Amino acid sequence: MNDSSSSLSGPARLLLAIAYPLLAHWASHEGSGVLAALALADLVVFVTIDGLLGLRALPWLATALLLGALAAIAPTPYAQMLLLTPPVLFNAWLAWWFGRSLRAPREGLITRIVAALHGCAPRELAPDLYRYTRRLTLLWACVLAGLGLVNGALAMIAVPDGVLAQLGHTPALAITQEQWSWFANILNYGVVGGMFAGEYLVRRRLFKDRPEKGFFDFLRKMAQLGPGFWKELFS
């Protein structure tokens, strides 16, 4: 991917990430298969954006095939059913990735981020900070796994497009599709954002020697790590 397409992929992916929960919630509120397919198309492009901007044949072909499949199922109940899966799969994948990073010889994801902010190798962090970041990585893995399980449970009992309802079973305890969406597409991100901000306040009290001057400077320094760092972190 050339420099111009690389510079565009970050902002484009950010816009797609912001648009997805709004589209998904709208689709669930309206019960629309077309809107559900549109939300899922947003996810497809989110995943393939680098290849699309790099004008690579395989990503363009894969995107065209997936978008065609979504267009085909848009008039059917399957689009709404598919919309149940991203909150489960995404949280489960992130939980696995956080947990996997704690296995030697890897370093925890949070440990690597904090070390990059301090401008040193993970093992060069102060011992108490090093232990804290590894425990925090484990906490994130557990929280994300919990969110994945809750999303999965709610997807089972949502009505009318939840898994049990689509299989012809009436859940003993049921929620509406819109209630599912409020948790999966709105509150889910609130939990993650609240934990992110709350953990920063805890770390600020525990560790006085920090590379940033405040929360917004912390966010700025995170952004300054650059797309290369974040891509390598999750590669």
C-alpha atoms as a PDB file:
ATOM      1  CA  MET A   1       0.000   0.000   0.000  1.00  0.00           C
ATOM      2  CA  ASN A   2       1.441   3.367  -1.006  1.00  0.00           C
ATOM      3  CA  ASP A   3       1.777   6.343   1.327  1.00  0.00           C
ATOM      4  CA  SER A   4      -1.352   8.138   0.112  1.00  0.00           C
ATOM      5  CA  SER A   5      -3.628   5.109   0.546  1.00  0.00           C
ATOM      6  CA  SER A   6      -2.010   4.330   3.908  1.00  0.00           C
ATOM      7  CA  SER A   7      -2.767   7.855   5.144  1.00  0.00           C
ATOM      8  CA  LEU A   8      -6.394   7.472   4.065  1.00  0.00           C
ATOM      9  CA  SER A   9      -7.027   4.048   5.610  1.00  0.00           C
ATOM     10  CA  GLY A  10      -6.819   5.250   9.222  1.00  0.00           C
ATOM     11  CA  PRO A  11      -9.448   8.017   8.974  1.00  0.00           C
ATOM     12  CA  ALA A  12     -11.624   5.841   6.715  1.00  0.00           C
ATOM     13  CA  ARG A  13     -11.512   2.948   9.197  1.00  0.00           C
ATOM     14  CA  LEU A  14     -12.324   5.335  12.070  1.00  0.00           C
ATOM     15  CA  LEU A  15     -15.397   6.643  10.237  1.00  0.00           C
ATOM     16  CA  LEU A  16     -16.526   3.095   9.465  1.00  0.00           C
ATOM     17  CA  ALA A  17     -16.041   2.105  13.123  1.00  0.00           C
ATOM     18  CA  ILE A  18     -18.156   5.049  14.284  1.00  0.00           C
ATOM     19  CA  ALA A  19     -20.841   4.368  11.686  1.00  0.00           C
ATOM     20  CA  TYR A  20     -21.264   0.657  12.447  1.00  0.00           C
ATOM     21  CA  PRO A  21     -22.960   0.772  15.885  1.00  0.00           C
ATOM     22  CA  LEU A  22     -25.241   3.576  14.704  1.00  0.00           C
ATOM     23  CA  LEU A  23     -26.251   1.622  11.600  1.00  0.00           C
ATOM     24  CA  ALA A  24     -26.645  -1.608  13.583  1.00  0.00           C
ATOM     25  CA  HIS A  25     -28.833   0.063  16.211  1.00  0.00           C
ATOM     26  CA  TRP A  26     -30.941   1.732  13.519  1.00  0.00           C
ATOM     27  CA  ALA A  27     -31.382  -1.607  11.778  1.00  0.00           C
ATOM     28  CA  SER A  28     -32.460  -3.306  15.008  1.00  0.00           C
ATOM     29  CA  HIS A  29     -34.843  -0.480  15.904  1.00  0.00           C
ATOM     30  CA  GLU A  30     -36.510  -0.654  12.479  1.00  0.00           C
ATOM     31  CA  GLY A  31     -36.301  -4.432  12.147  1.00  0.00           C
ATOM     32  CA  SER A  32     -35.006  -3.857   8.626  1.00  0.00           C
ATOM     33  CA  GLY A  33     -33.039  -6.483   6.757  1.00  0.00           C
ATOM     34  CA  VAL A  34     -31.810  -3.876   4.294  1.00  0.00           C
ATOM     35  CA  LEU A  35     -30.387  -1.716   7.089  1.00  0.00           C
ATOM     36  CA  ALA A  36     -28.905  -4.807   8.742  1.00  0.00           C
ATOM     37  CA  ALA A  37     -27.163  -5.687   5.475  1.00  0.00           C
ATOM     38  CA  LEU A  38     -25.912  -2.094   5.224  1.00  0.00           C
ATOM     39  CA  ALA A  39     -24.439  -2.287   8.740  1.00  0.00           C
ATOM     40  CA  LEU A  40     -22.746  -5.585   7.912  1.00  0.00           C
ATOM     41  CA  ALA A  41     -21.435  -4.088   4.652  1.00  0.00           C
ATOM     42  CA  ASP A  42     -19.827  -1.381   6.772  1.00  0.00           C
ATOM     43  CA  LEU A  43     -17.978  -4.124   8.671  1.00  0.00           C
ATOM     44  CA  VAL A  44     -16.856  -5.808   5.468  1.00  0.00           C
ATOM     45  CA  VAL A  45     -15.326  -2.589   4.158  1.00  0.00           C
ATOM     46  CA  PHE A  46     -13.804  -1.909   7.609  1.00  0.00           C
ATOM     47  CA  VAL A  47     -11.885  -5.193   7.333  1.00  0.00           C
ATOM     48  CA  THR A  48     -10.876  -4.875   3.675  1.00  0.00           C
ATOM     49  CA  ILE A  49     -10.226  -1.117   3.479  1.00  0.00           C
ATOM     50  CA  ASP A  50      -6.430  -1.432   3.251  1.00  0.00           C
ATOM     51  CA  GLY A  51      -6.656  -3.731   0.258  1.00  0.00           C
ATOM     52  CA  LEU A  52      -9.349  -1.616  -1.400  1.00  0.00           C
ATOM     53  CA  LEU A  53      -7.313   1.563  -1.109  1.00  0.00           C
ATOM     54  CA  GLY A  54      -4.200  -0.314  -2.209  1.00  0.00           C
ATOM     55  CA  LEU A  55      -6.104  -1.421  -5.342  1.00  0.00           C
ATOM     56  CA  ARG A  56      -5.307  -5.093  -4.717  1.00  0.00           C
ATOM     57  CA  ALA A  57      -7.363  -7.539  -6.746  1.00  0.00           C
ATOM     58  CA  LEU A  58      -8.119 -10.134  -4.035  1.00  0.00           C
ATOM     59  CA  PRO A  59      -9.594  -7.682  -1.456  1.00  0.00           C
ATOM     60  CA  TRP A  60     -11.698  -6.085  -4.191  1.00  0.00           C
ATOM     61  CA  LEU A  61     -12.977  -9.506  -5.289  1.00  0.00           C
ATOM     62  CA  ALA A  62     -13.681 -10.638  -1.704  1.00  0.00           C
ATOM     63  CA  THR A  63     -15.473  -7.384  -0.913  1.00  0.00           C
ATOM     64  CA  ALA A  64     -17.594  -7.599  -4.067  1.00  0.00           C
ATOM     65  CA  LEU A  65     -18.591 -11.206  -3.289  1.00  0.00           C
ATOM     66  CA  LEU A  66     -19.458 -10.425   0.340  1.00  0.00           C
ATOM     67  CA  LEU A  67     -21.431  -7.315  -0.554  1.00  0.00           C
ATOM     68  CA  GLY A  68     -23.273  -9.309  -3.198  1.00  0.00           C
ATOM     69  CA  ALA A  69     -24.148 -11.970  -0.620  1.00  0.00           C
ATOM     70  CA  LEU A  70     -25.395  -9.312   1.789  1.00  0.00           C
ATOM     71  CA  ALA A  71     -27.548  -7.766  -0.944  1.00  0.00           C
ATOM     72  CA  ALA A  72     -29.027 -11.215  -1.625  1.00  0.00           C
ATOM     73  CA  ILE A  73     -30.029 -11.831   2.009  1.00  0.00           C
ATOM     74  CA  ALA A  74     -31.170  -8.246   2.712  1.00  0.00           C
ATOM     75  CA  PRO A  75     -34.873  -9.092   2.075  1.00  0.00           C
ATOM     76  CA  THR A  76     -34.695 -12.182   4.324  1.00  0.00           C
ATOM     77  CA  PRO A  77     -34.617 -12.660   8.130  1.00  0.00           C
ATOM     78  CA  TYR A  78     -31.019 -13.875   7.871  1.00  0.00           C
ATOM     79  CA  ALA A  79     -29.643 -10.345   7.689  1.00  0.00           C
ATOM     80  CA  GLN A  80     -31.014  -9.536  11.146  1.00  0.00           C
ATOM     81  CA  MET A  81     -29.725 -12.872  12.451  1.00  0.00           C
ATOM     82  CA  LEU A  82     -26.231 -12.151  11.140  1.00  0.00           C
ATOM     83  CA  LEU A  83     -26.349  -8.783  12.862  1.00  0.00           C
ATOM     84  CA  LEU A  84     -26.381 -10.665  16.190  1.00  0.00           C
ATOM     85  CA  THR A  85     -22.916 -12.125  15.629  1.00  0.00           C
ATOM     86  CA  PRO A  86     -20.401  -9.213  15.456  1.00  0.00           C
ATOM     87  CA  PRO A  87     -20.669  -8.172  19.147  1.00  0.00           C
ATOM     88  CA  VAL A  88     -20.058 -11.786  20.184  1.00  0.00           C
ATOM     89  CA  LEU A  89     -17.251 -12.549  17.740  1.00  0.00           C
ATOM     90  CA  PHE A  90     -15.467  -9.216  18.089  1.00  0.00           C
ATOM     91  CA  ASN A  91     -15.378  -9.313  21.902  1.00  0.00           C
ATOM     92  CA  ALA A  92     -14.363 -12.974  21.888  1.00  0.00           C
ATOM     93  CA  TRP A  93     -11.556 -12.287  19.399  1.00  0.00           C
ATOM     94  CA  LEU A  94     -10.230  -9.349  21.438  1.00  0.00           C
ATOM     95  CA  ALA A  95     -10.446 -11.364  24.677  1.00  0.00           C
ATOM     96  CA  TRP A  96      -8.455 -14.174  23.049  1.00  0.00           C
ATOM     97  CA  TRP A  97      -5.886 -11.678  21.740  1.00  0.00           C
ATOM     98  CA  PHE A  98      -5.382 -10.020  25.113  1.00  0.00           C
ATOM     99  CA  GLY A  99      -5.124 -13.386  26.855  1.00  0.00           C
ATOM    100  CA  ARG A 100      -2.799 -14.830  24.206  1.00  0.00           C
ATOM    101  CA  SER A 101      -0.382 -11.939  24.633  1.00  0.00           C
ATOM    102  CA  LEU A 102       0.335 -13.031  28.211  1.00  0.00           C
ATOM    103  CA  ARG A 103       1.895 -16.307  27.086  1.00  0.00           C
ATOM    104  CA  ALA A 104       5.703 -16.314  27.024  1.00  0.00           C
ATOM    105  CA  PRO A 105       7.695 -15.191  25.137  1.00  0.00           C
ATOM    106  CA  ARG A 106       5.108 -12.539  24.264  1.00  0.00           C
ATOM    107  CA  GLU A 107       4.509  -9.445  26.342  1.00  0.00           C
ATOM    108  CA  GLY A 108       1.035  -8.321  27.405  1.00  0.00           C
ATOM    109  CA  LEU A 109      -0.684  -5.903  25.036  1.00  0.00           C
ATOM    110  CA  ILE A 110      -1.076  -3.242  27.732  1.00  0.00           C
ATOM    111  CA  THR A 111       2.545  -3.771  28.790  1.00  0.00           C
ATOM    112  CA  ARG A 112       3.714  -3.106  25.239  1.00  0.00           C
ATOM    113  CA  ILE A 113       1.558   0.012  24.917  1.00  0.00           C
ATOM    114  CA  VAL A 114       2.746   1.470  28.222  1.00  0.00           C
ATOM    115  CA  ALA A 115       6.359   0.646  27.375  1.00  0.00           C
ATOM    116  CA  ALA A 116       5.980   2.431  24.022  1.00  0.00           C
ATOM    117  CA  LEU A 117       4.576   5.491  25.808  1.00  0.00           C
ATOM    118  CA  HIS A 118       7.581   5.439  28.153  1.00  0.00           C
ATOM    119  CA  GLY A 119       9.939   4.949  25.202  1.00  0.00           C
ATOM    120  CA  CYS A 120      11.474   1.733  26.493  1.00  0.00           C
ATOM    121  CA  ALA A 121      11.290  -2.040  26.138  1.00  0.00           C
ATOM    122  CA  PRO A 122       8.596  -3.804  28.216  1.00  0.00           C
ATOM    123  CA  ARG A 123      11.154  -5.404  30.547  1.00  0.00           C
ATOM    124  CA  GLU A 124      12.676  -1.975  31.214  1.00  0.00           C
ATOM    125  CA  LEU A 125       9.509  -0.742  32.913  1.00  0.00           C
ATOM    126  CA  ALA A 126       9.590  -0.386  36.690  1.00  0.00           C
ATOM    127  CA  PRO A 127       8.793  -3.817  38.227  1.00  0.00           C
ATOM    128  CA  ASP A 128       5.565  -2.638  39.892  1.00  0.00           C
ATOM    129  CA  LEU A 129       4.351  -0.998  36.672  1.00  0.00           C
ATOM    130  CA  TYR A 130       5.304  -4.086  34.672  1.00  0.00           C
ATOM    131  CA  ARG A 131       3.255  -6.336  36.993  1.00  0.00           C
ATOM    132  CA  TYR A 132       0.346  -3.893  36.931  1.00  0.00           C
ATOM    133  CA  THR A 133       0.213  -3.809  33.126  1.00  0.00           C
ATOM    134  CA  ARG A 134       0.208  -7.598  32.889  1.00  0.00           C
ATOM    135  CA  ARG A 135      -2.632  -7.839  35.409  1.00  0.00           C
ATOM    136  CA  LEU A 136      -4.488  -5.128  33.517  1.00  0.00           C
ATOM    137  CA  THR A 137      -4.078  -7.080  30.277  1.00  0.00           C
ATOM    138  CA  LEU A 138      -5.635 -10.095  32.003  1.00  0.00           C
ATOM    139  CA  LEU A 139      -8.469  -7.931  33.352  1.00  0.00           C
ATOM    140  CA  TRP A 140      -9.238  -6.657  29.856  1.00  0.00           C
ATOM    141  CA  ALA A 141      -9.271 -10.239  28.568  1.00  0.00           C
ATOM    142  CA  CYS A 142     -11.775 -11.225  31.257  1.00  0.00           C
ATOM    143  CA  VAL A 143     -14.015  -8.176  30.744  1.00  0.00           C
ATOM    144  CA  LEU A 144     -14.112  -8.655  26.971  1.00  0.00           C
ATOM    145  CA  ALA A 145     -14.822 -12.372  27.353  1.00  0.00           C
ATOM    146  CA  GLY A 146     -17.654 -11.493  29.739  1.00  0.00           C
ATOM    147  CA  LEU A 147     -19.089  -9.000  27.248  1.00  0.00           C
ATOM    148  CA  GLY A 148     -18.908 -11.633  24.522  1.00  0.00           C
ATOM    149  CA  LEU A 149     -20.808 -14.127  26.689  1.00  0.00           C
ATOM    150  CA  VAL A 150     -23.472 -11.592  27.668  1.00  0.00           C
ATOM    151  CA  ASN A 151     -23.928 -10.544  24.042  1.00  0.00           C
ATOM    152  CA  GLY A 152     -24.232 -14.188  23.060  1.00  0.00           C
ATOM    153  CA  ALA A 153     -26.830 -14.887  25.760  1.00  0.00           C
ATOM    154  CA  LEU A 154     -28.895 -11.837  24.788  1.00  0.00           C
ATOM    155  CA  ALA A 155     -28.699 -12.798  21.113  1.00  0.00           C
ATOM    156  CA  MET A 156     -30.214 -16.166  22.000  1.00  0.00           C
ATOM    157  CA  ILE A 157     -33.306 -14.674  23.688  1.00  0.00           C
ATOM    158  CA  ALA A 158     -33.934 -11.608  21.514  1.00  0.00           C
ATOM    159  CA  VAL A 159     -37.350 -11.503  19.831  1.00  0.00           C
ATOM    160  CA  PRO A 160     -38.283 -11.671  16.980  1.00  0.00           C
ATOM    161  CA  ASP A 161     -34.899 -12.224  15.297  1.00  0.00           C
ATOM    162  CA  GLY A 162     -32.901 -13.931  18.052  1.00  0.00           C
ATOM    163  CA  VAL A 163     -31.479 -17.409  17.623  1.00  0.00           C
ATOM    164  CA  LEU A 164     -34.145 -19.275  19.631  1.00  0.00           C
ATOM    165  CA  ALA A 165     -37.005 -17.364  18.021  1.00  0.00           C
ATOM    166  CA  GLN A 166     -35.669 -18.068  14.539  1.00  0.00           C
ATOM    167  CA  LEU A 167     -35.396 -21.763  15.422  1.00  0.00           C
ATOM    168  CA  GLY A 168     -39.076 -21.783  16.392  1.00  0.00           C
ATOM    169  CA  HIS A 169     -38.632 -21.741  20.174  1.00  0.00           C
ATOM    170  CA  THR A 170     -40.174 -19.187  22.498  1.00  0.00           C
ATOM    171  CA  PRO A 171     -37.566 -18.110  25.083  1.00  0.00           C
ATOM    172  CA  ALA A 172     -38.734 -18.421  28.693  1.00  0.00           C
ATOM    173  CA  LEU A 173     -37.048 -15.078  29.281  1.00  0.00           C
ATOM    174  CA  ALA A 174     -37.122 -12.794  26.263  1.00  0.00           C
ATOM    175  CA  ILE A 175     -35.979  -9.309  25.335  1.00  0.00           C
ATOM    176  CA  THR A 176     -36.859  -7.202  22.333  1.00  0.00           C
ATOM    177  CA  GLN A 177     -34.520  -6.784  19.399  1.00  0.00           C
ATOM    178  CA  GLU A 178     -34.156  -3.103  20.322  1.00  0.00           C
ATOM    179  CA  GLN A 179     -33.202  -3.964  23.928  1.00  0.00           C
ATOM    180  CA  TRP A 180     -30.548  -6.319  22.606  1.00  0.00           C
ATOM    181  CA  SER A 181     -29.254  -3.567  20.357  1.00  0.00           C
ATOM    182  CA  TRP A 182     -29.035  -1.015  23.174  1.00  0.00           C
ATOM    183  CA  PHE A 183     -26.648  -3.318  24.982  1.00  0.00           C
ATOM    184  CA  ALA A 184     -24.722  -4.756  22.027  1.00  0.00           C
ATOM    185  CA  ASN A 185     -24.375  -1.585  19.957  1.00  0.00           C
ATOM    186  CA  ILE A 186     -24.450   1.215  22.539  1.00  0.00           C
ATOM    187  CA  LEU A 187     -23.827   0.133  26.161  1.00  0.00           C
ATOM    188  CA  ASN A 188     -21.108  -2.298  25.083  1.00  0.00           C
ATOM    189  CA  TYR A 189     -18.960   0.617  23.987  1.00  0.00           C
ATOM    190  CA  GLY A 190     -19.892   2.547  27.126  1.00  0.00           C
ATOM    191  CA  VAL A 191     -18.547  -0.281  29.290  1.00  0.00           C
ATOM    192  CA  VAL A 192     -15.278  -0.355  27.331  1.00  0.00           C
ATOM    193  CA  GLY A 193     -14.928   3.435  27.334  1.00  0.00           C
ATOM    194  CA  GLY A 194     -15.765   3.681  31.025  1.00  0.00           C
ATOM    195  CA  MET A 195     -13.211   1.029  31.921  1.00  0.00           C
ATOM    196  CA  PHE A 196     -10.578   2.753  29.793  1.00  0.00           C
ATOM    197  CA  ALA A 197     -11.141   6.125  31.491  1.00  0.00           C
ATOM    198  CA  GLY A 198     -11.518   4.619  34.963  1.00  0.00           C
ATOM    199  CA  GLU A 199      -8.316   2.612  34.664  1.00  0.00           C
ATOM    200  CA  TYR A 200      -6.429   5.761  33.677  1.00  0.00           C
ATOM    201  CA  LEU A 201      -7.591   7.447  36.896  1.00  0.00           C
ATOM    202  CA  VAL A 202      -6.453   4.425  38.929  1.00  0.00           C
ATOM    203  CA  ARG A 203      -3.052   4.357  37.238  1.00  0.00           C
ATOM    204  CA  ARG A 204      -2.687   8.097  37.770  1.00  0.00           C
ATOM    205  CA  ARG A 205      -3.055   7.596  41.527  1.00  0.00           C
ATOM    206  CA  LEU A 206      -0.801   4.551  41.695  1.00  0.00           C
ATOM    207  CA  PHE A 207       2.054   5.730  39.472  1.00  0.00           C
ATOM    208  CA  LYS A 208       3.277   9.300  39.705  1.00  0.00           C
ATOM    209  CA  ASP A 209       6.019   8.971  37.080  1.00  0.00           C
ATOM    210  CA  ARG A 210       4.048   9.119  33.823  1.00  0.00           C
ATOM    211  CA  PRO A 211       5.042  10.292  30.347  1.00  0.00           C
ATOM    212  CA  GLU A 212       1.880  12.380  29.850  1.00  0.00           C
ATOM    213  CA  LYS A 213       0.594  15.525  31.545  1.00  0.00           C
ATOM    214  CA  GLY A 214      -3.086  14.606  31.646  1.00  0.00           C
ATOM    215  CA  PHE A 215      -5.801  12.462  30.091  1.00  0.00           C
ATOM    216  CA  PHE A 216      -5.982  14.338  26.786  1.00  0.00           C
ATOM    217  CA  ASP A 217      -2.196  14.379  26.530  1.00  0.00           C
ATOM    218  CA  PHE A 218      -2.354  10.640  27.182  1.00  0.00           C
ATOM    219  CA  LEU A 219      -4.765  10.219  24.244  1.00  0.00           C
ATOM    220  CA  ARG A 220      -2.531  12.405  22.073  1.00  0.00           C
ATOM    221  CA  LYS A 221       0.549  10.339  22.882  1.00  0.00           C
ATOM    222  CA  MET A 222      -1.401   7.146  22.157  1.00  0.00           C
ATOM    223  CA  ALA A 223      -2.290   8.529  18.731  1.00  0.00           C
ATOM    224  CA  GLN A 224       1.322   9.578  18.155  1.00  0.00           C
ATOM    225  CA  LEU A 225       2.431   5.962  18.428  1.00  0.00           C
ATOM    226  CA  GLY A 226       1.252   5.801  14.831  1.00  0.00           C
ATOM    227  CA  PRO A 227      -0.639   3.292  12.668  1.00  0.00           C
ATOM    228  CA  GLY A 228       2.493   1.179  12.231  1.00  0.00           C
ATOM    229  CA  PHE A 229       2.706   0.503  15.966  1.00  0.00           C
ATOM    230  CA  TRP A 230      -0.975  -0.429  16.284  1.00  0.00           C
ATOM    231  CA  LYS A 231      -0.899  -2.627  13.195  1.00  0.00           C
ATOM    232  CA  GLU A 232       2.167  -4.461  14.476  1.00  0.00           C
ATOM    233  CA  LEU A 233       0.629  -4.777  17.952  1.00  0.00           C
ATOM    234  CA  PHE A 234      -2.311  -6.767  16.604  1.00  0.00           C
ATOM    235  CA  SER A 235      -0.426  -8.537  13.810  1.00  0.00           C
END
